[in-house]
């Protein structure tokens, strides 16, 4: 399992990194085969969001807080200030850590987007 990380480098520019999530076989319920689970990440808040189709380009901005963004519906193009562009959609997860520096740019590729923001706090 992987997620996409956006972060601010020491140069103040934003960058992407693909992060592989280690999943460990874990017995959750007796008699049921083990599930592959990751380490726990503490969450400070969960926000469900709808981004209207009319919002075509959010412009350059930083993440409001360190957060996972889980895409449920719709597609977006994410650009970081080093010039790399990634397309994300349903089932994709981004760890947005670019809370300083240039930030990133989000472009709606058509249609409404449904997302879950999972704030991680400090």
C-alpha atoms as a PDB file:
ATOM      1  CA  UNK A   1       0.000   0.000   0.000  1.00  0.00           C
ATOM      2  CA  UNK A   2       1.267   3.485  -0.818  1.00  0.00           C
ATOM      3  CA  UNK A   3       0.356   7.102  -0.273  1.00  0.00           C
ATOM      4  CA  UNK A   4       1.625  10.312  -1.835  1.00  0.00           C
ATOM      5  CA  UNK A   5       3.367  12.800   0.457  1.00  0.00           C
ATOM      6  CA  UNK A   6       3.666  16.522  -0.324  1.00  0.00           C
ATOM      7  CA  UNK A   7       6.163  18.399   1.822  1.00  0.00           C
ATOM      8  CA  UNK A   8       8.196  21.605   1.984  1.00  0.00           C
ATOM      9  CA  UNK A   9      11.920  21.096   1.579  1.00  0.00           C
ATOM     10  CA  UNK A  10      14.670  23.140   3.211  1.00  0.00           C
ATOM     11  CA  UNK A  11      14.691  25.215   0.000  1.00  0.00           C
ATOM     12  CA  UNK A  12      11.093  26.375   0.687  1.00  0.00           C
ATOM     13  CA  UNK A  13       9.858  24.541  -2.411  1.00  0.00           C
ATOM     14  CA  UNK A  14       7.262  21.775  -2.236  1.00  0.00           C
ATOM     15  CA  UNK A  15       7.968  18.236  -3.409  1.00  0.00           C
ATOM     16  CA  UNK A  16       6.256  14.838  -3.772  1.00  0.00           C
ATOM     17  CA  UNK A  17       7.398  11.539  -2.295  1.00  0.00           C
ATOM     18  CA  UNK A  18       5.830   8.088  -2.703  1.00  0.00           C
ATOM     19  CA  UNK A  19       5.628   6.406   0.704  1.00  0.00           C
ATOM     20  CA  UNK A  20       5.281   2.646   1.053  1.00  0.00           C
ATOM     21  CA  UNK A  21       3.175   1.630   4.058  1.00  0.00           C
ATOM     22  CA  UNK A  22       4.359  -1.499   5.861  1.00  0.00           C
ATOM     23  CA  UNK A  23       1.452  -3.829   6.631  1.00  0.00           C
ATOM     24  CA  UNK A  24       1.875  -6.456   9.320  1.00  0.00           C
ATOM     25  CA  UNK A  25      -0.376  -9.537   9.515  1.00  0.00           C
ATOM     26  CA  UNK A  26      -2.446  -8.945  12.652  1.00  0.00           C
ATOM     27  CA  UNK A  27      -5.135 -11.106  14.232  1.00  0.00           C
ATOM     28  CA  UNK A  28      -8.035  -8.781  14.984  1.00  0.00           C
ATOM     29  CA  UNK A  29     -10.752 -11.349  15.682  1.00  0.00           C
ATOM     30  CA  UNK A  30     -10.203 -14.962  16.758  1.00  0.00           C
ATOM     31  CA  UNK A  31     -11.034 -17.425  14.002  1.00  0.00           C
ATOM     32  CA  UNK A  32     -10.668 -14.850  11.203  1.00  0.00           C
ATOM     33  CA  UNK A  33      -7.496 -14.769   9.098  1.00  0.00           C
ATOM     34  CA  UNK A  34      -5.047 -11.965   9.983  1.00  0.00           C
ATOM     35  CA  UNK A  35      -5.511  -8.536   8.416  1.00  0.00           C
ATOM     36  CA  UNK A  36      -2.581  -6.553   7.048  1.00  0.00           C
ATOM     37  CA  UNK A  37      -2.459  -3.474   9.298  1.00  0.00           C
ATOM     38  CA  UNK A  38      -0.103  -0.505   9.437  1.00  0.00           C
ATOM     39  CA  UNK A  39       1.238   1.226  12.498  1.00  0.00           C
ATOM     40  CA  UNK A  40      -1.281   3.527  14.161  1.00  0.00           C
ATOM     41  CA  UNK A  41      -1.396   7.242  13.304  1.00  0.00           C
ATOM     42  CA  UNK A  42      -3.040   9.476  15.883  1.00  0.00           C
ATOM     43  CA  UNK A  43      -5.749  11.730  14.436  1.00  0.00           C
ATOM     44  CA  UNK A  44      -6.759  15.085  15.878  1.00  0.00           C
ATOM     45  CA  UNK A  45      -9.882  15.548  13.730  1.00  0.00           C
ATOM     46  CA  UNK A  46     -11.784  14.182  10.752  1.00  0.00           C
ATOM     47  CA  UNK A  47     -13.506  16.495   8.286  1.00  0.00           C
ATOM     48  CA  UNK A  48     -15.688  15.324   5.398  1.00  0.00           C
ATOM     49  CA  UNK A  49     -15.579  17.658   2.417  1.00  0.00           C
ATOM     50  CA  UNK A  50     -17.319  18.354  -0.875  1.00  0.00           C
ATOM     51  CA  UNK A  51     -15.379  20.410  -3.403  1.00  0.00           C
ATOM     52  CA  UNK A  52     -17.749  21.808  -6.033  1.00  0.00           C
ATOM     53  CA  UNK A  53     -17.095  21.213  -9.732  1.00  0.00           C
ATOM     54  CA  UNK A  54     -17.103  25.003 -10.227  1.00  0.00           C
ATOM     55  CA  UNK A  55     -13.858  25.294  -8.228  1.00  0.00           C
ATOM     56  CA  UNK A  56     -11.559  24.533 -11.151  1.00  0.00           C
ATOM     57  CA  UNK A  57      -8.256  25.838  -9.742  1.00  0.00           C
ATOM     58  CA  UNK A  58      -7.521  26.423  -6.044  1.00  0.00           C
ATOM     59  CA  UNK A  59      -4.281  28.259  -6.881  1.00  0.00           C
ATOM     60  CA  UNK A  60      -1.084  27.968  -4.853  1.00  0.00           C
ATOM     61  CA  UNK A  61      -1.684  27.295  -1.175  1.00  0.00           C
ATOM     62  CA  UNK A  62      -0.183  25.467   1.780  1.00  0.00           C
ATOM     63  CA  UNK A  63      -1.935  22.710   3.707  1.00  0.00           C
ATOM     64  CA  UNK A  64      -3.987  24.116   6.623  1.00  0.00           C
ATOM     65  CA  UNK A  65      -2.423  21.523   8.885  1.00  0.00           C
ATOM     66  CA  UNK A  66      -0.536  18.257   8.627  1.00  0.00           C
ATOM     67  CA  UNK A  67      -3.227  15.935   7.303  1.00  0.00           C
ATOM     68  CA  UNK A  68      -4.105  12.893   5.265  1.00  0.00           C
ATOM     69  CA  UNK A  69      -6.474  13.643   2.380  1.00  0.00           C
ATOM     70  CA  UNK A  70      -8.458  10.618   1.188  1.00  0.00           C
ATOM     71  CA  UNK A  71     -10.151  10.977  -2.211  1.00  0.00           C
ATOM     72  CA  UNK A  72     -13.541   9.281  -2.455  1.00  0.00           C
ATOM     73  CA  UNK A  73     -14.912  10.777  -5.714  1.00  0.00           C
ATOM     74  CA  UNK A  74     -13.693  13.071  -8.470  1.00  0.00           C
ATOM     75  CA  UNK A  75     -10.228  13.676  -9.867  1.00  0.00           C
ATOM     76  CA  UNK A  76      -7.717  16.420  -9.260  1.00  0.00           C
ATOM     77  CA  UNK A  77      -4.312  17.379 -10.525  1.00  0.00           C
ATOM     78  CA  UNK A  78      -1.838  18.254  -7.791  1.00  0.00           C
ATOM     79  CA  UNK A  79       1.257  20.304  -8.627  1.00  0.00           C
ATOM     80  CA  UNK A  80       4.164  21.046  -6.294  1.00  0.00           C
ATOM     81  CA  UNK A  81       6.452  24.016  -6.744  1.00  0.00           C
ATOM     82  CA  UNK A  82       9.357  21.923  -8.077  1.00  0.00           C
ATOM     83  CA  UNK A  83       7.154  21.410 -11.165  1.00  0.00           C
ATOM     84  CA  UNK A  84       6.053  17.800 -10.613  1.00  0.00           C
ATOM     85  CA  UNK A  85       2.381  17.092 -11.328  1.00  0.00           C
ATOM     86  CA  UNK A  86       0.372  14.084 -10.138  1.00  0.00           C
ATOM     87  CA  UNK A  87      -3.209  13.080 -10.876  1.00  0.00           C
ATOM     88  CA  UNK A  88      -5.204  11.717  -7.918  1.00  0.00           C
ATOM     89  CA  UNK A  89      -8.692  10.282  -7.663  1.00  0.00           C
ATOM     90  CA  UNK A  90     -10.899   7.799  -5.827  1.00  0.00           C
ATOM     91  CA  UNK A  91      -8.908   5.572  -3.497  1.00  0.00           C
ATOM     92  CA  UNK A  92      -5.813   7.787  -3.487  1.00  0.00           C
ATOM     93  CA  UNK A  93      -4.361   9.175  -0.260  1.00  0.00           C
ATOM     94  CA  UNK A  94      -2.083  12.200   0.163  1.00  0.00           C
ATOM     95  CA  UNK A  95      -0.185  13.115   3.308  1.00  0.00           C
ATOM     96  CA  UNK A  96      -0.142  16.918   3.037  1.00  0.00           C
ATOM     97  CA  UNK A  97       2.755  18.241   5.094  1.00  0.00           C
ATOM     98  CA  UNK A  98       3.601  21.336   3.037  1.00  0.00           C
ATOM     99  CA  UNK A  99       2.294  23.729   5.704  1.00  0.00           C
ATOM    100  CA  UNK A 100       5.093  26.230   4.959  1.00  0.00           C
ATOM    101  CA  UNK A 101       6.868  27.441   1.849  1.00  0.00           C
ATOM    102  CA  UNK A 102       5.305  27.688  -1.604  1.00  0.00           C
ATOM    103  CA  UNK A 103       2.744  24.941  -1.093  1.00  0.00           C
ATOM    104  CA  UNK A 104       0.912  23.142  -3.873  1.00  0.00           C
ATOM    105  CA  UNK A 105      -1.718  23.831  -6.519  1.00  0.00           C
ATOM    106  CA  UNK A 106      -4.922  21.805  -6.969  1.00  0.00           C
ATOM    107  CA  UNK A 107      -6.836  21.698 -10.250  1.00  0.00           C
ATOM    108  CA  UNK A 108     -10.227  20.013 -10.526  1.00  0.00           C
ATOM    109  CA  UNK A 109     -10.341  17.717 -13.564  1.00  0.00           C
ATOM    110  CA  UNK A 110     -14.121  17.850 -13.790  1.00  0.00           C
ATOM    111  CA  UNK A 111     -16.986  17.060 -11.488  1.00  0.00           C
ATOM    112  CA  UNK A 112     -17.544  17.321  -7.789  1.00  0.00           C
ATOM    113  CA  UNK A 113     -14.913  15.887  -5.455  1.00  0.00           C
ATOM    114  CA  UNK A 114     -15.628  14.126  -2.171  1.00  0.00           C
ATOM    115  CA  UNK A 115     -12.717  13.957   0.256  1.00  0.00           C
ATOM    116  CA  UNK A 116     -11.944  13.132   3.863  1.00  0.00           C
ATOM    117  CA  UNK A 117      -9.383  15.313   5.668  1.00  0.00           C
ATOM    118  CA  UNK A 118      -7.767  13.559   8.643  1.00  0.00           C
ATOM    119  CA  UNK A 119      -5.912  16.143  10.717  1.00  0.00           C
ATOM    120  CA  UNK A 120      -2.835  14.777  12.443  1.00  0.00           C
ATOM    121  CA  UNK A 121      -2.137  17.711  14.762  1.00  0.00           C
ATOM    122  CA  UNK A 122       1.415  18.679  15.587  1.00  0.00           C
END
